[in-house]
Amino acid sequence: MTMAAGGWTLWFTGLSGAGKSTLAEAVRDEIAARGGRVEILDGDEVRTNLSKGLGFSKEDRDTNIRRIGFVARLLSRNGVVAITAAISPYRDVREEVRRAHEAPFVEVFVECAIDELVRRDRKGLYAKALRGEIAHFTGVSDPYEPPLAPDIHIRSDGETLEESRDKIVTWLEQKGLVCVIKCAGHRESVIASRTASTASTD
């Protein structure tokens, strides 16, 4: 498989339990299977390894997202596909991260109704937050600012994992971030290089 040098960032945002990490892994596997260099920056893992000690104030949340964005920026500008999966609740910081990127930045909003999030929540955190037992819980006692114009909008409460994954991959193909070529009589996909401004201006 012929690979073209070129990285970009796929930024998943959405409430806890919406399916960001699961979907990020599915897209990661698809890109890796096509020969792409790809890394996932998971919000929980980053908090444990890169942002240990930060709390859940707005300032600390913003610092955490800026750190994720910085690492994604470094990866993407060095030819790696950086996939992030963090709540990233505040619109202004997400836009700040986008503006700082030299490589294409693709925002994916994973939306899910609160009733479905409560149903999925095996730990009962949403129920506790709704009863006022947990402070600073995003989407209940802390704000979540959804993207006004995400590049890709996923409804995880109305789509299967495969449907959501395929929607994302198809969008990436259409934008030239993942291209499909004829090779030895069959179709195979490769990660395409792209100018830094393409995804951010579409």
N, C-alpha and C. Protein backbone atom coordinates (compact mmCIF):
# COMPACT_ATOMS: atom_id res chain seq x y z
N MET A 1 0.84 -1.19 0.00
CA MET A 1 0.00 0.00 0.00
C MET A 1 0.88 1.24 0.00
N THR A 2 0.62 2.14 -0.89
CA THR A 2 1.38 3.38 -0.97
C THR A 2 0.79 4.40 -0.01
N MET A 3 1.63 4.94 0.86
CA MET A 3 1.16 5.92 1.84
C MET A 3 1.69 7.31 1.48
N ALA A 4 0.84 8.31 1.61
CA ALA A 4 1.27 9.69 1.42
C ALA A 4 1.44 10.33 2.78
N ALA A 5 2.51 11.12 2.93
CA ALA A 5 2.75 11.79 4.21
C ALA A 5 1.71 12.89 4.40
N GLY A 6 1.11 12.92 5.55
CA GLY A 6 0.13 13.96 5.82
C GLY A 6 -0.71 13.61 7.03
N GLY A 7 -0.64 14.43 8.06
CA GLY A 7 -1.43 14.17 9.25
C GLY A 7 -2.58 15.15 9.37
N TRP A 8 -3.49 14.86 10.27
CA TRP A 8 -4.63 15.73 10.55
C TRP A 8 -5.21 15.29 11.88
N THR A 9 -6.10 16.11 12.42
CA THR A 9 -6.71 15.81 13.72
C THR A 9 -8.20 15.59 13.57
N LEU A 10 -8.68 14.51 14.17
CA LEU A 10 -10.10 14.20 14.23
C LEU A 10 -10.52 14.38 15.68
N TRP A 11 -11.30 15.43 15.94
CA TRP A 11 -11.60 15.86 17.32
C TRP A 11 -13.04 15.50 17.67
N PHE A 12 -13.20 14.47 18.50
CA PHE A 12 -14.52 14.06 18.97
C PHE A 12 -14.90 14.88 20.21
N THR A 13 -16.11 15.41 20.21
CA THR A 13 -16.63 16.12 21.38
C THR A 13 -18.06 15.66 21.64
N GLY A 14 -18.45 15.65 22.89
CA GLY A 14 -19.79 15.21 23.26
C GLY A 14 -19.81 14.84 24.72
N LEU A 15 -21.00 14.62 25.24
CA LEU A 15 -21.15 14.33 26.66
C LEU A 15 -20.58 12.96 27.03
N SER A 16 -20.31 12.79 28.30
CA SER A 16 -19.84 11.51 28.82
C SER A 16 -20.87 10.42 28.50
N GLY A 17 -20.39 9.31 27.96
CA GLY A 17 -21.27 8.20 27.64
C GLY A 17 -21.89 8.26 26.26
N ALA A 18 -21.59 9.32 25.50
CA ALA A 18 -22.18 9.45 24.17
C ALA A 18 -21.59 8.47 23.17
N GLY A 19 -20.41 7.94 23.48
CA GLY A 19 -19.79 6.95 22.59
C GLY A 19 -18.56 7.46 21.86
N LYS A 20 -17.97 8.54 22.35
CA LYS A 20 -16.80 9.14 21.68
C LYS A 20 -15.64 8.16 21.59
N SER A 21 -15.27 7.54 22.71
CA SER A 21 -14.10 6.67 22.72
C SER A 21 -14.32 5.42 21.87
N THR A 22 -15.50 4.83 21.98
CA THR A 22 -15.80 3.63 21.19
C THR A 22 -15.75 3.95 19.70
N LEU A 23 -16.32 5.08 19.32
CA LEU A 23 -16.32 5.47 17.91
C LEU A 23 -14.91 5.84 17.46
N ALA A 24 -14.15 6.52 18.31
CA ALA A 24 -12.77 6.87 17.98
C ALA A 24 -11.95 5.61 17.70
N GLU A 25 -12.16 4.58 18.51
CA GLU A 25 -11.43 3.33 18.31
C GLU A 25 -11.83 2.66 16.99
N ALA A 26 -13.11 2.72 16.67
CA ALA A 26 -13.58 2.11 15.42
C ALA A 26 -12.99 2.82 14.21
N VAL A 27 -12.94 4.15 14.26
CA VAL A 27 -12.35 4.91 13.16
C VAL A 27 -10.84 4.68 13.11
N ARG A 28 -10.21 4.64 14.28
CA ARG A 28 -8.77 4.35 14.36
C ARG A 28 -8.43 3.03 13.69
N ASP A 29 -9.22 2.01 13.98
CA ASP A 29 -8.97 0.69 13.41
C ASP A 29 -9.11 0.71 11.90
N GLU A 30 -10.08 1.47 11.39
CA GLU A 30 -10.29 1.57 9.95
C GLU A 30 -9.10 2.26 9.28
N ILE A 31 -8.63 3.34 9.89
CA ILE A 31 -7.49 4.07 9.32
C ILE A 31 -6.22 3.22 9.38
N ALA A 32 -6.02 2.55 10.52
CA ALA A 32 -4.83 1.71 10.67
C ALA A 32 -4.84 0.55 9.68
N ALA A 33 -6.02 -0.02 9.44
CA ALA A 33 -6.13 -1.13 8.49
C ALA A 33 -5.77 -0.70 7.08
N ARG A 34 -5.92 0.60 6.81
CA ARG A 34 -5.58 1.14 5.49
C ARG A 34 -4.14 1.63 5.42
N GLY A 35 -3.39 1.40 6.49
CA GLY A 35 -1.98 1.76 6.49
C GLY A 35 -1.66 3.09 7.10
N GLY A 36 -2.62 3.74 7.75
CA GLY A 36 -2.38 5.06 8.32
C GLY A 36 -1.64 5.02 9.64
N ARG A 37 -0.85 6.03 9.89
CA ARG A 37 -0.21 6.24 11.19
C ARG A 37 -1.20 7.02 12.05
N VAL A 38 -1.67 6.42 13.12
CA VAL A 38 -2.77 7.02 13.87
C VAL A 38 -2.60 6.78 15.36
N GLU A 39 -2.94 7.79 16.15
CA GLU A 39 -2.90 7.69 17.60
C GLU A 39 -4.19 8.26 18.18
N ILE A 40 -4.66 7.65 19.27
CA ILE A 40 -5.83 8.16 19.99
C ILE A 40 -5.37 8.86 21.28
N LEU A 41 -5.89 10.05 21.50
CA LEU A 41 -5.71 10.76 22.76
C LEU A 41 -7.04 10.72 23.50
N ASP A 42 -7.18 9.79 24.41
CA ASP A 42 -8.44 9.61 25.14
C ASP A 42 -8.46 10.52 26.36
N GLY A 43 -9.60 11.17 26.57
CA GLY A 43 -9.71 12.14 27.65
C GLY A 43 -9.37 11.58 29.02
N ASP A 44 -9.86 10.40 29.34
CA ASP A 44 -9.58 9.80 30.65
C ASP A 44 -8.10 9.47 30.79
N GLU A 45 -7.50 8.93 29.73
CA GLU A 45 -6.08 8.57 29.79
C GLU A 45 -5.20 9.81 29.90
N VAL A 46 -5.57 10.88 29.21
CA VAL A 46 -4.79 12.11 29.29
C VAL A 46 -4.86 12.68 30.69
N ARG A 47 -6.03 12.64 31.30
CA ARG A 47 -6.15 13.15 32.68
C ARG A 47 -5.27 12.36 33.63
N THR A 48 -5.13 11.08 33.40
CA THR A 48 -4.32 10.23 34.27
C THR A 48 -2.83 10.46 34.06
N ASN A 49 -2.41 10.62 32.80
CA ASN A 49 -0.99 10.64 32.48
C ASN A 49 -0.40 12.01 32.17
N LEU A 50 -1.22 12.94 31.71
CA LEU A 50 -0.72 14.24 31.31
C LEU A 50 -1.29 15.38 32.14
N SER A 51 -2.49 15.19 32.66
CA SER A 51 -3.16 16.27 33.39
C SER A 51 -3.50 15.87 34.82
N LYS A 52 -2.71 14.98 35.39
CA LYS A 52 -2.94 14.55 36.76
C LYS A 52 -2.85 15.75 37.70
N GLY A 53 -3.81 15.85 38.58
CA GLY A 53 -3.83 16.96 39.52
C GLY A 53 -4.79 18.06 39.15
N LEU A 54 -5.24 18.07 37.89
CA LEU A 54 -6.22 19.06 37.48
C LEU A 54 -7.60 18.66 37.99
N GLY A 55 -8.37 19.67 38.35
CA GLY A 55 -9.73 19.42 38.81
C GLY A 55 -10.73 19.62 37.69
N PHE A 56 -11.94 20.07 38.07
CA PHE A 56 -13.00 20.20 37.07
C PHE A 56 -13.58 21.61 37.04
N SER A 57 -12.79 22.56 37.49
CA SER A 57 -13.17 23.96 37.29
C SER A 57 -13.04 24.28 35.81
N LYS A 58 -13.63 25.39 35.39
CA LYS A 58 -13.50 25.76 33.98
C LYS A 58 -12.04 25.95 33.60
N GLU A 59 -11.27 26.59 34.46
CA GLU A 59 -9.86 26.82 34.17
C GLU A 59 -9.11 25.50 33.98
N ASP A 60 -9.37 24.54 34.88
CA ASP A 60 -8.68 23.25 34.77
C ASP A 60 -9.15 22.46 33.55
N ARG A 61 -10.44 22.52 33.27
CA ARG A 61 -10.94 21.83 32.07
C ARG A 61 -10.29 22.43 30.81
N ASP A 62 -10.21 23.75 30.77
CA ASP A 62 -9.60 24.41 29.61
C ASP A 62 -8.13 24.03 29.47
N THR A 63 -7.42 23.97 30.60
CA THR A 63 -6.01 23.57 30.56
C THR A 63 -5.87 22.15 30.02
N ASN A 64 -6.72 21.25 30.47
CA ASN A 64 -6.68 19.87 29.99
C ASN A 64 -6.90 19.81 28.48
N ILE A 65 -7.87 20.54 27.97
CA ILE A 65 -8.16 20.52 26.54
C ILE A 65 -7.03 21.15 25.75
N ARG A 66 -6.45 22.20 26.27
CA ARG A 66 -5.30 22.81 25.57
C ARG A 66 -4.13 21.83 25.49
N ARG A 67 -3.93 21.05 26.53
CA ARG A 67 -2.85 20.05 26.50
C ARG A 67 -3.13 18.98 25.45
N ILE A 68 -4.36 18.50 25.42
CA ILE A 68 -4.73 17.51 24.40
C ILE A 68 -4.53 18.11 23.00
N GLY A 69 -4.99 19.35 22.84
CA GLY A 69 -4.86 20.01 21.55
C GLY A 69 -3.41 20.19 21.14
N PHE A 70 -2.54 20.51 22.11
CA PHE A 70 -1.13 20.70 21.80
C PHE A 70 -0.50 19.41 21.29
N VAL A 71 -0.79 18.29 21.98
CA VAL A 71 -0.23 17.00 21.56
C VAL A 71 -0.79 16.61 20.19
N ALA A 72 -2.09 16.82 19.99
CA ALA A 72 -2.70 16.51 18.68
C ALA A 72 -2.06 17.34 17.58
N ARG A 73 -1.80 18.60 17.88
CA ARG A 73 -1.15 19.49 16.89
C ARG A 73 0.23 18.96 16.52
N LEU A 74 1.02 18.56 17.52
CA LEU A 74 2.36 18.04 17.24
C LEU A 74 2.29 16.77 16.39
N LEU A 75 1.39 15.87 16.75
CA LEU A 75 1.25 14.63 15.99
C LEU A 75 0.84 14.91 14.55
N SER A 76 -0.19 15.74 14.39
CA SER A 76 -0.75 15.95 13.05
C SER A 76 0.22 16.67 12.12
N ARG A 77 0.98 17.59 12.64
CA ARG A 77 1.91 18.32 11.77
C ARG A 77 3.15 17.48 11.43
N ASN A 78 3.27 16.32 12.09
CA ASN A 78 4.36 15.40 11.79
C ASN A 78 3.87 14.12 11.12
N GLY A 79 2.74 14.24 10.42
CA GLY A 79 2.30 13.14 9.56
C GLY A 79 1.47 12.07 10.22
N VAL A 80 1.04 12.30 11.46
CA VAL A 80 0.23 11.31 12.18
C VAL A 80 -1.21 11.78 12.23
N VAL A 81 -2.15 10.85 12.09
CA VAL A 81 -3.56 11.16 12.31
C VAL A 81 -3.81 11.11 13.81
N ALA A 82 -4.15 12.25 14.39
CA ALA A 82 -4.43 12.34 15.82
C ALA A 82 -5.93 12.32 16.04
N ILE A 83 -6.41 11.34 16.78
CA ILE A 83 -7.83 11.24 17.10
C ILE A 83 -8.00 11.53 18.59
N THR A 84 -8.79 12.53 18.93
CA THR A 84 -9.01 12.86 20.33
C THR A 84 -10.45 12.51 20.72
N ALA A 85 -10.60 12.04 21.94
CA ALA A 85 -11.92 11.69 22.46
C ALA A 85 -12.03 12.23 23.88
N ALA A 86 -12.49 13.45 23.99
CA ALA A 86 -12.66 14.11 25.29
C ALA A 86 -13.93 14.95 25.23
N ILE A 87 -14.57 15.15 26.36
CA ILE A 87 -15.81 15.92 26.38
C ILE A 87 -15.60 17.30 25.76
N SER A 88 -14.49 17.95 26.12
CA SER A 88 -14.15 19.31 25.65
C SER A 88 -15.39 20.20 25.59
N PRO A 89 -15.89 20.59 26.77
CA PRO A 89 -17.22 21.19 26.86
C PRO A 89 -17.36 22.62 26.35
N TYR A 90 -16.23 23.36 26.27
CA TYR A 90 -16.36 24.78 25.98
C TYR A 90 -15.97 25.11 24.54
N ARG A 91 -16.87 25.78 23.88
CA ARG A 91 -16.74 26.08 22.45
C ARG A 91 -15.51 26.93 22.14
N ASP A 92 -15.25 27.93 23.00
CA ASP A 92 -14.15 28.84 22.70
C ASP A 92 -12.80 28.15 22.72
N VAL A 93 -12.61 27.19 23.61
CA VAL A 93 -11.34 26.48 23.68
C VAL A 93 -11.20 25.50 22.52
N ARG A 94 -12.30 24.87 22.13
CA ARG A 94 -12.23 24.01 20.94
C ARG A 94 -11.83 24.81 19.72
N GLU A 95 -12.39 26.02 19.58
CA GLU A 95 -12.05 26.86 18.44
C GLU A 95 -10.60 27.35 18.54
N GLU A 96 -10.15 27.61 19.74
CA GLU A 96 -8.75 28.01 19.94
C GLU A 96 -7.81 26.90 19.47
N VAL A 97 -8.13 25.66 19.82
CA VAL A 97 -7.32 24.52 19.40
C VAL A 97 -7.34 24.39 17.88
N ARG A 98 -8.51 24.56 17.28
CA ARG A 98 -8.61 24.49 15.82
C ARG A 98 -7.70 25.53 15.16
N ARG A 99 -7.77 26.77 15.65
CA ARG A 99 -6.98 27.84 15.05
C ARG A 99 -5.48 27.59 15.18
N ALA A 100 -5.06 26.91 16.24
CA ALA A 100 -3.63 26.67 16.47
C ALA A 100 -3.07 25.58 15.55
N HIS A 101 -3.95 24.81 14.94
CA HIS A 101 -3.50 23.69 14.11
C HIS A 101 -2.96 24.17 12.76
N GLU A 102 -1.81 23.65 12.37
CA GLU A 102 -1.33 23.85 11.01
C GLU A 102 -1.95 22.83 10.06
N ALA A 103 -2.21 21.64 10.56
CA ALA A 103 -2.79 20.56 9.77
C ALA A 103 -4.32 20.64 9.83
N PRO A 104 -5.01 19.95 8.93
CA PRO A 104 -6.47 19.95 8.96
C PRO A 104 -7.03 19.49 10.31
N PHE A 105 -8.12 20.13 10.72
CA PHE A 105 -8.78 19.85 11.99
C PHE A 105 -10.24 19.56 11.70
N VAL A 106 -10.69 18.38 12.09
CA VAL A 106 -12.06 17.95 11.81
C VAL A 106 -12.79 17.73 13.13
N GLU A 107 -13.86 18.49 13.36
CA GLU A 107 -14.63 18.38 14.60
C GLU A 107 -15.82 17.45 14.39
N VAL A 108 -15.92 16.46 15.27
CA VAL A 108 -17.02 15.49 15.23
C VAL A 108 -17.85 15.63 16.51
N PHE A 109 -19.09 16.04 16.36
CA PHE A 109 -19.99 16.17 17.50
C PHE A 109 -20.78 14.88 17.64
N VAL A 110 -20.56 14.18 18.76
CA VAL A 110 -21.28 12.94 19.04
C VAL A 110 -22.40 13.29 20.02
N GLU A 111 -23.61 13.37 19.50
CA GLU A 111 -24.77 13.79 20.29
C GLU A 111 -25.58 12.57 20.74
N CYS A 112 -26.10 12.68 21.96
CA CYS A 112 -26.93 11.61 22.51
C CYS A 112 -27.89 12.22 23.52
N ALA A 113 -29.15 11.82 23.46
CA ALA A 113 -30.16 12.36 24.37
C ALA A 113 -29.84 11.98 25.82
N ILE A 114 -30.17 12.87 26.75
CA ILE A 114 -29.84 12.65 28.15
C ILE A 114 -30.50 11.38 28.69
N ASP A 115 -31.72 11.08 28.25
CA ASP A 115 -32.39 9.86 28.72
C ASP A 115 -31.61 8.61 28.34
N GLU A 116 -31.04 8.62 27.14
CA GLU A 116 -30.24 7.48 26.70
C GLU A 116 -28.92 7.41 27.45
N LEU A 117 -28.34 8.57 27.75
CA LEU A 117 -27.10 8.59 28.52
C LEU A 117 -27.33 8.02 29.91
N VAL A 118 -28.45 8.36 30.52
CA VAL A 118 -28.80 7.81 31.85
C VAL A 118 -28.96 6.30 31.76
N ARG A 119 -29.62 5.84 30.70
CA ARG A 119 -29.86 4.41 30.53
C ARG A 119 -28.54 3.65 30.37
N ARG A 120 -27.60 4.22 29.65
CA ARG A 120 -26.31 3.56 29.40
C ARG A 120 -25.39 3.56 30.62
N ASP A 121 -25.60 4.47 31.53
CA ASP A 121 -24.65 4.75 32.61
C ASP A 121 -24.70 3.67 33.69
N ARG A 122 -23.79 2.71 33.60
CA ARG A 122 -23.77 1.59 34.55
C ARG A 122 -23.35 2.03 35.95
N LYS A 123 -22.57 3.11 36.04
CA LYS A 123 -22.12 3.59 37.35
C LYS A 123 -23.15 4.48 38.04
N GLY A 124 -24.18 4.87 37.33
CA GLY A 124 -25.22 5.69 37.92
C GLY A 124 -24.81 7.13 38.18
N LEU A 125 -23.78 7.61 37.48
CA LEU A 125 -23.29 8.97 37.73
C LEU A 125 -24.28 10.03 37.27
N TYR A 126 -24.93 9.80 36.15
CA TYR A 126 -25.93 10.78 35.68
C TYR A 126 -27.08 10.88 36.67
N ALA A 127 -27.55 9.74 37.16
CA ALA A 127 -28.65 9.75 38.13
C ALA A 127 -28.25 10.52 39.38
N LYS A 128 -27.02 10.32 39.85
CA LYS A 128 -26.56 11.04 41.03
C LYS A 128 -26.45 12.53 40.75
N ALA A 129 -25.93 12.87 39.57
CA ALA A 129 -25.80 14.29 39.21
C ALA A 129 -27.17 14.95 39.11
N LEU A 130 -28.13 14.24 38.55
CA LEU A 130 -29.49 14.79 38.42
C LEU A 130 -30.15 14.97 39.78
N ARG A 131 -29.73 14.18 40.77
CA ARG A 131 -30.25 14.33 42.14
C ARG A 131 -29.47 15.38 42.92
N GLY A 132 -28.46 15.97 42.28
CA GLY A 132 -27.65 16.98 42.95
C GLY A 132 -26.55 16.44 43.82
N GLU A 133 -26.21 15.16 43.66
CA GLU A 133 -25.21 14.53 44.51
C GLU A 133 -23.79 14.66 43.97
N ILE A 134 -23.65 15.06 42.69
CA ILE A 134 -22.34 15.25 42.08
C ILE A 134 -22.28 16.67 41.52
N ALA A 135 -21.28 17.41 41.97
CA ALA A 135 -21.11 18.77 41.46
C ALA A 135 -20.24 18.77 40.20
N HIS A 136 -20.37 19.80 39.39
CA HIS A 136 -19.53 19.99 38.21
C HIS A 136 -19.60 18.79 37.25
N PHE A 137 -20.79 18.29 37.05
CA PHE A 137 -20.97 17.16 36.11
C PHE A 137 -21.46 17.73 34.79
N THR A 138 -20.63 17.60 33.77
CA THR A 138 -20.92 18.24 32.49
C THR A 138 -22.23 17.73 31.89
N GLY A 139 -23.04 18.69 31.47
CA GLY A 139 -24.33 18.36 30.87
C GLY A 139 -25.47 18.36 31.86
N VAL A 140 -25.14 18.38 33.17
CA VAL A 140 -26.16 18.40 34.22
C VAL A 140 -25.93 19.61 35.11
N SER A 141 -24.85 19.60 35.88
CA SER A 141 -24.55 20.71 36.79
C SER A 141 -23.42 21.61 36.29
N ASP A 142 -22.84 21.27 35.16
CA ASP A 142 -21.85 22.11 34.48
C ASP A 142 -22.25 22.19 33.01
N PRO A 143 -21.96 23.30 32.36
CA PRO A 143 -22.43 23.46 30.98
C PRO A 143 -21.67 22.62 29.97
N TYR A 144 -22.36 22.25 28.91
CA TYR A 144 -21.73 21.72 27.71
C TYR A 144 -22.21 22.58 26.54
N GLU A 145 -21.27 23.13 25.80
CA GLU A 145 -21.60 23.99 24.67
C GLU A 145 -21.41 23.22 23.37
N PRO A 146 -22.49 22.75 22.77
CA PRO A 146 -22.35 21.95 21.55
C PRO A 146 -21.81 22.78 20.40
N PRO A 147 -21.11 22.17 19.47
CA PRO A 147 -20.62 22.90 18.30
C PRO A 147 -21.78 23.52 17.52
N LEU A 148 -21.58 24.71 17.02
CA LEU A 148 -22.61 25.37 16.21
C LEU A 148 -22.63 24.83 14.79
N ALA A 149 -21.46 24.45 14.31
CA ALA A 149 -21.35 23.94 12.93
C ALA A 149 -20.26 22.88 12.87
N PRO A 150 -20.50 21.72 13.49
CA PRO A 150 -19.46 20.68 13.45
C PRO A 150 -19.24 20.19 12.03
N ASP A 151 -18.04 19.73 11.76
CA ASP A 151 -17.77 19.15 10.45
C ASP A 151 -18.60 17.89 10.23
N ILE A 152 -18.74 17.10 11.28
CA ILE A 152 -19.52 15.86 11.21
C ILE A 152 -20.40 15.79 12.45
N HIS A 153 -21.67 15.46 12.26
CA HIS A 153 -22.63 15.37 13.37
C HIS A 153 -23.13 13.93 13.46
N ILE A 154 -22.83 13.29 14.58
CA ILE A 154 -23.24 11.91 14.83
C ILE A 154 -24.34 11.89 15.88
N ARG A 155 -25.39 11.10 15.64
CA ARG A 155 -26.42 10.86 16.64
C ARG A 155 -26.27 9.42 17.12
N SER A 156 -25.52 9.23 18.20
CA SER A 156 -25.23 7.87 18.64
C SER A 156 -26.44 7.18 19.24
N ASP A 157 -27.49 7.95 19.56
CA ASP A 157 -28.72 7.34 20.08
C ASP A 157 -29.65 6.90 18.95
N GLY A 158 -29.26 7.16 17.70
CA GLY A 158 -30.10 6.76 16.58
C GLY A 158 -29.35 6.07 15.47
N GLU A 159 -28.05 5.84 15.66
CA GLU A 159 -27.22 5.19 14.66
C GLU A 159 -26.47 4.03 15.30
N THR A 160 -26.19 2.99 14.53
CA THR A 160 -25.33 1.93 15.02
C THR A 160 -23.88 2.42 14.98
N LEU A 161 -23.01 1.73 15.69
CA LEU A 161 -21.60 2.08 15.67
C LEU A 161 -21.06 2.03 14.24
N GLU A 162 -21.46 1.02 13.50
CA GLU A 162 -20.97 0.87 12.12
C GLU A 162 -21.48 2.00 11.24
N GLU A 163 -22.72 2.42 11.42
CA GLU A 163 -23.25 3.53 10.63
C GLU A 163 -22.50 4.83 10.92
N SER A 164 -22.24 5.07 12.20
CA SER A 164 -21.51 6.29 12.57
C SER A 164 -20.09 6.25 12.04
N ARG A 165 -19.44 5.11 12.19
CA ARG A 165 -18.06 4.99 11.67
C ARG A 165 -18.03 5.23 10.17
N ASP A 166 -18.95 4.60 9.45
CA ASP A 166 -18.96 4.73 7.99
C ASP A 166 -19.28 6.16 7.56
N LYS A 167 -20.14 6.85 8.31
CA LYS A 167 -20.44 8.25 8.00
C LYS A 167 -19.18 9.10 8.09
N ILE A 168 -18.39 8.87 9.14
CA ILE A 168 -17.15 9.63 9.32
C ILE A 168 -16.15 9.31 8.22
N VAL A 169 -15.95 8.02 7.95
CA VAL A 169 -14.97 7.63 6.94
C VAL A 169 -15.37 8.15 5.56
N THR A 170 -16.66 8.09 5.26
CA THR A 170 -17.12 8.62 3.97
C THR A 170 -16.86 10.11 3.86
N TRP A 171 -17.11 10.86 4.92
CA TRP A 171 -16.84 12.30 4.92
C TRP A 171 -15.35 12.55 4.68
N LEU A 172 -14.49 11.78 5.37
CA LEU A 172 -13.05 11.94 5.20
C LEU A 172 -12.62 11.64 3.77
N GLU A 173 -13.23 10.64 3.17
CA GLU A 173 -12.94 10.32 1.77
C GLU A 173 -13.36 11.46 0.85
N GLN A 174 -14.54 11.98 1.10
CA GLN A 174 -15.06 13.06 0.25
C GLN A 174 -14.21 14.32 0.34
N LYS A 175 -13.63 14.55 1.51
CA LYS A 175 -12.79 15.74 1.70
C LYS A 175 -11.34 15.51 1.29
N GLY A 176 -11.01 14.29 0.90
CA GLY A 176 -9.66 14.01 0.45
C GLY A 176 -8.68 13.64 1.54
N LEU A 177 -9.14 13.52 2.78
CA LEU A 177 -8.26 13.11 3.86
C LEU A 177 -8.01 11.61 3.83
N VAL A 178 -8.98 10.87 3.35
CA VAL A 178 -8.80 9.45 3.04
C VAL A 178 -9.25 9.29 1.60
N CYS A 179 -8.36 8.81 0.74
CA CYS A 179 -8.75 8.66 -0.66
C CYS A 179 -8.74 7.19 -1.07
N VAL A 180 -9.49 6.87 -2.10
CA VAL A 180 -9.60 5.51 -2.59
C VAL A 180 -9.02 5.49 -4.00
N ILE A 181 -8.11 4.57 -4.24
CA ILE A 181 -7.48 4.47 -5.55
C ILE A 181 -7.61 3.06 -6.09
N LYS A 182 -7.47 2.92 -7.40
CA LYS A 182 -7.40 1.61 -8.03
C LYS A 182 -5.98 1.09 -7.93
N CYS A 183 -5.82 -0.13 -7.47
CA CYS A 183 -4.48 -0.69 -7.33
C CYS A 183 -4.52 -2.18 -7.61
N ALA A 184 -3.80 -2.62 -8.63
CA ALA A 184 -3.69 -4.04 -8.96
C ALA A 184 -5.05 -4.69 -9.15
N GLY A 185 -5.97 -3.94 -9.77
CA GLY A 185 -7.26 -4.51 -10.11
C GLY A 185 -8.27 -4.53 -8.99
N HIS A 186 -7.95 -3.96 -7.82
CA HIS A 186 -8.93 -3.90 -6.75
C HIS A 186 -8.83 -2.55 -6.06
N ARG A 187 -9.81 -2.22 -5.22
CA ARG A 187 -9.84 -0.93 -4.55
C ARG A 187 -9.16 -1.05 -3.19
N GLU A 188 -8.30 -0.09 -2.90
CA GLU A 188 -7.76 -0.02 -1.55
C GLU A 188 -7.61 1.45 -1.19
N SER A 189 -7.74 1.72 0.10
CA SER A 189 -7.75 3.10 0.57
C SER A 189 -6.41 3.46 1.18
N VAL A 190 -6.03 4.70 1.00
CA VAL A 190 -4.81 5.21 1.61
C VAL A 190 -5.10 6.56 2.22
N ILE A 191 -4.29 6.95 3.17
CA ILE A 191 -4.40 8.27 3.77
C ILE A 191 -3.73 9.27 2.84
N ALA A 192 -4.45 10.31 2.47
CA ALA A 192 -3.94 11.28 1.51
C ALA A 192 -3.37 12.49 2.22
N SER A 193 -2.32 13.06 1.66
CA SER A 193 -1.81 14.32 2.19
C SER A 193 -2.75 15.44 1.77
N ARG A 194 -2.74 16.49 2.54
CA ARG A 194 -3.68 17.57 2.32
C ARG A 194 -3.06 18.87 2.76
N THR A 195 -3.39 19.97 2.15
CA THR A 195 -2.90 21.26 2.63
C THR A 195 -3.52 21.58 3.97
N ALA A 196 -2.79 22.34 4.76
CA ALA A 196 -3.21 22.58 6.14
C ALA A 196 -4.52 23.31 6.25
N SER A 197 -4.91 24.02 5.21
CA SER A 197 -6.11 24.84 5.33
C SER A 197 -7.37 24.15 4.85
N THR A 198 -7.26 22.98 4.24
CA THR A 198 -8.42 22.39 3.55
C THR A 198 -9.58 22.11 4.48
N ALA A 199 -9.35 21.26 5.52
CA ALA A 199 -10.46 20.87 6.38
C ALA A 199 -10.97 22.02 7.21
N SER A 200 -10.09 22.89 7.64
CA SER A 200 -10.52 23.98 8.53
C SER A 200 -11.34 25.03 7.81
N THR A 201 -11.28 25.06 6.47
CA THR A 201 -12.04 26.07 5.75
C THR A 201 -13.26 25.50 5.05
N ASP A 202 -13.43 24.19 5.08
CA ASP A 202 -14.60 23.58 4.44
C ASP A 202 -15.84 23.76 5.30
